[in-house]
Amino acid sequence: MDKITCIAYLLYKSSKNQDIREKAIQLLNGDVSIRDLKRNINIQANLVIAESLLKKNKIDKDQVQQFAEQFMYQEI
């Protein structure tokens, strides 16, 4: 799994807040960048936690894959 997908997954799972979950899905699909999210005060704390968990390798790759399969848009 790539870094962006993992961060999007961790961000999605870190909150019940619908706005944060929508931003995580947008990040997964490339509609928003990590740089954009770092500028958003409402998401900064969750993003820092997600990045630190990724660095510590505290992530289940199978769950990340399921998340990506469920929320990644496919263009045909």
C-alpha atoms as a PDB file:
ATOM      1  CA  MET A   1       0.000   0.000   0.000  1.00  0.00           C
ATOM      2  CA  ASP A   2       1.193   3.480  -0.762  1.00  0.00           C
ATOM      3  CA  LYS A   3       1.522   6.243   1.817  1.00  0.00           C
ATOM      4  CA  ILE A   4      -1.497   8.259   0.653  1.00  0.00           C
ATOM      5  CA  THR A   5      -3.840   5.264   0.764  1.00  0.00           C
ATOM      6  CA  CYS A   6      -2.662   4.363   4.264  1.00  0.00           C
ATOM      7  CA  ILE A   7      -3.046   7.924   5.542  1.00  0.00           C
ATOM      8  CA  ALA A   8      -6.510   8.189   3.979  1.00  0.00           C
ATOM      9  CA  TYR A   9      -7.502   4.936   5.711  1.00  0.00           C
ATOM     10  CA  LEU A  10      -6.159   6.051   9.095  1.00  0.00           C
ATOM     11  CA  LEU A  11      -7.798   9.449   8.721  1.00  0.00           C
ATOM     12  CA  TYR A  12     -11.132   7.816   7.880  1.00  0.00           C
ATOM     13  CA  LYS A  13     -10.935   5.465  10.856  1.00  0.00           C
ATOM     14  CA  SER A  14      -9.767   8.178  13.267  1.00  0.00           C
ATOM     15  CA  SER A  15     -13.061  10.012  13.443  1.00  0.00           C
ATOM     16  CA  LYS A  16     -16.820   9.677  13.278  1.00  0.00           C
ATOM     17  CA  ASN A  17     -16.954  13.238  11.913  1.00  0.00           C
ATOM     18  CA  GLN A  18     -18.486  13.070   8.434  1.00  0.00           C
ATOM     19  CA  ASP A  19     -16.403  16.002   7.148  1.00  0.00           C
ATOM     20  CA  ILE A  20     -13.148  14.269   8.098  1.00  0.00           C
ATOM     21  CA  ARG A  21     -14.321  11.015   6.529  1.00  0.00           C
ATOM     22  CA  GLU A  22     -15.225  12.822   3.310  1.00  0.00           C
ATOM     23  CA  LYS A  23     -11.782  14.465   3.220  1.00  0.00           C
ATOM     24  CA  ALA A  24     -10.176  11.030   3.684  1.00  0.00           C
ATOM     25  CA  ILE A  25     -12.098   9.689   0.689  1.00  0.00           C
ATOM     26  CA  GLN A  26     -11.146  12.769  -1.331  1.00  0.00           C
ATOM     27  CA  LEU A  27      -7.491  12.179  -0.403  1.00  0.00           C
ATOM     28  CA  LEU A  28      -7.760   8.545  -1.495  1.00  0.00           C
ATOM     29  CA  ASN A  29      -9.135   9.603  -4.871  1.00  0.00           C
ATOM     30  CA  GLY A  30      -6.667  12.432  -5.430  1.00  0.00           C
ATOM     31  CA  ASP A  31      -9.259  15.200  -5.152  1.00  0.00           C
ATOM     32  CA  VAL A  32      -7.330  16.828  -2.290  1.00  0.00           C
ATOM     33  CA  SER A  33      -3.660  16.695  -1.262  1.00  0.00           C
ATOM     34  CA  ILE A  34      -2.023  16.159   2.118  1.00  0.00           C
ATOM     35  CA  ARG A  35      -0.718  19.719   1.863  1.00  0.00           C
ATOM     36  CA  ASP A  36      -4.303  20.982   1.493  1.00  0.00           C
ATOM     37  CA  LEU A  37      -5.414  18.959   4.500  1.00  0.00           C
ATOM     38  CA  LYS A  38      -2.558  20.295   6.632  1.00  0.00           C
ATOM     39  CA  ARG A  39      -3.956  23.786   6.067  1.00  0.00           C
ATOM     40  CA  ASN A  40      -7.374  22.733   7.391  1.00  0.00           C
ATOM     41  CA  ILE A  41      -7.432  23.365  11.160  1.00  0.00           C
ATOM     42  CA  ASN A  42     -10.292  20.899  11.683  1.00  0.00           C
ATOM     43  CA  ILE A  43      -8.255  18.019  10.260  1.00  0.00           C
ATOM     44  CA  GLN A  44      -4.689  18.853  11.325  1.00  0.00           C
ATOM     45  CA  ALA A  45      -4.713  16.875  14.578  1.00  0.00           C
ATOM     46  CA  ASN A  46      -6.180  13.771  12.963  1.00  0.00           C
ATOM     47  CA  LEU A  47      -3.681  14.021  10.111  1.00  0.00           C
ATOM     48  CA  VAL A  48      -0.711  14.227  12.508  1.00  0.00           C
ATOM     49  CA  ILE A  49      -1.955  11.142  14.356  1.00  0.00           C
ATOM     50  CA  ALA A  50      -2.448   9.242  11.089  1.00  0.00           C
ATOM     51  CA  GLU A  51       1.070  10.107   9.912  1.00  0.00           C
ATOM     52  CA  SER A  52       2.624   9.042  13.219  1.00  0.00           C
ATOM     53  CA  LEU A  53       0.744   5.724  13.209  1.00  0.00           C
ATOM     54  CA  LEU A  54       1.963   5.108   9.666  1.00  0.00           C
ATOM     55  CA  LYS A  55       5.570   5.789  10.699  1.00  0.00           C
ATOM     56  CA  LYS A  56       5.200   3.323  13.577  1.00  0.00           C
ATOM     57  CA  ASN A  57       3.777   0.793  11.092  1.00  0.00           C
ATOM     58  CA  LYS A  58       0.647   0.350  13.215  1.00  0.00           C
ATOM     59  CA  ILE A  59      -1.614  -0.500  10.307  1.00  0.00           C
ATOM     60  CA  ASP A  60      -3.413  -3.571   9.002  1.00  0.00           C
ATOM     61  CA  LYS A  61      -2.686  -3.816   5.268  1.00  0.00           C
ATOM     62  CA  ASP A  62      -5.749  -5.998   4.628  1.00  0.00           C
ATOM     63  CA  GLN A  63      -8.073  -3.401   6.128  1.00  0.00           C
ATOM     64  CA  VAL A  64      -6.377  -0.668   4.090  1.00  0.00           C
ATOM     65  CA  GLN A  65      -6.976  -2.683   0.939  1.00  0.00           C
ATOM     66  CA  GLN A  66     -10.648  -3.189   1.808  1.00  0.00           C
ATOM     67  CA  PHE A  67     -11.008   0.539   2.462  1.00  0.00           C
ATOM     68  CA  ALA A  68      -9.432   1.367  -0.911  1.00  0.00           C
ATOM     69  CA  GLU A  69     -11.642  -1.127  -2.735  1.00  0.00           C
ATOM     70  CA  GLN A  70     -14.746   0.297  -1.096  1.00  0.00           C
ATOM     71  CA  PHE A  71     -14.083   4.009  -1.597  1.00  0.00           C
ATOM     72  CA  MET A  72     -11.777   4.406  -4.588  1.00  0.00           C
ATOM     73  CA  TYR A  73     -13.591   5.670  -7.644  1.00  0.00           C
ATOM     74  CA  GLN A  74     -12.852   3.961 -10.898  1.00  0.00           C
ATOM     75  CA  GLU A  75     -12.879   5.917 -14.118  1.00  0.00           C
ATOM     76  CA  ILE A  76     -13.816   3.960 -17.195  1.00  0.00           C
END
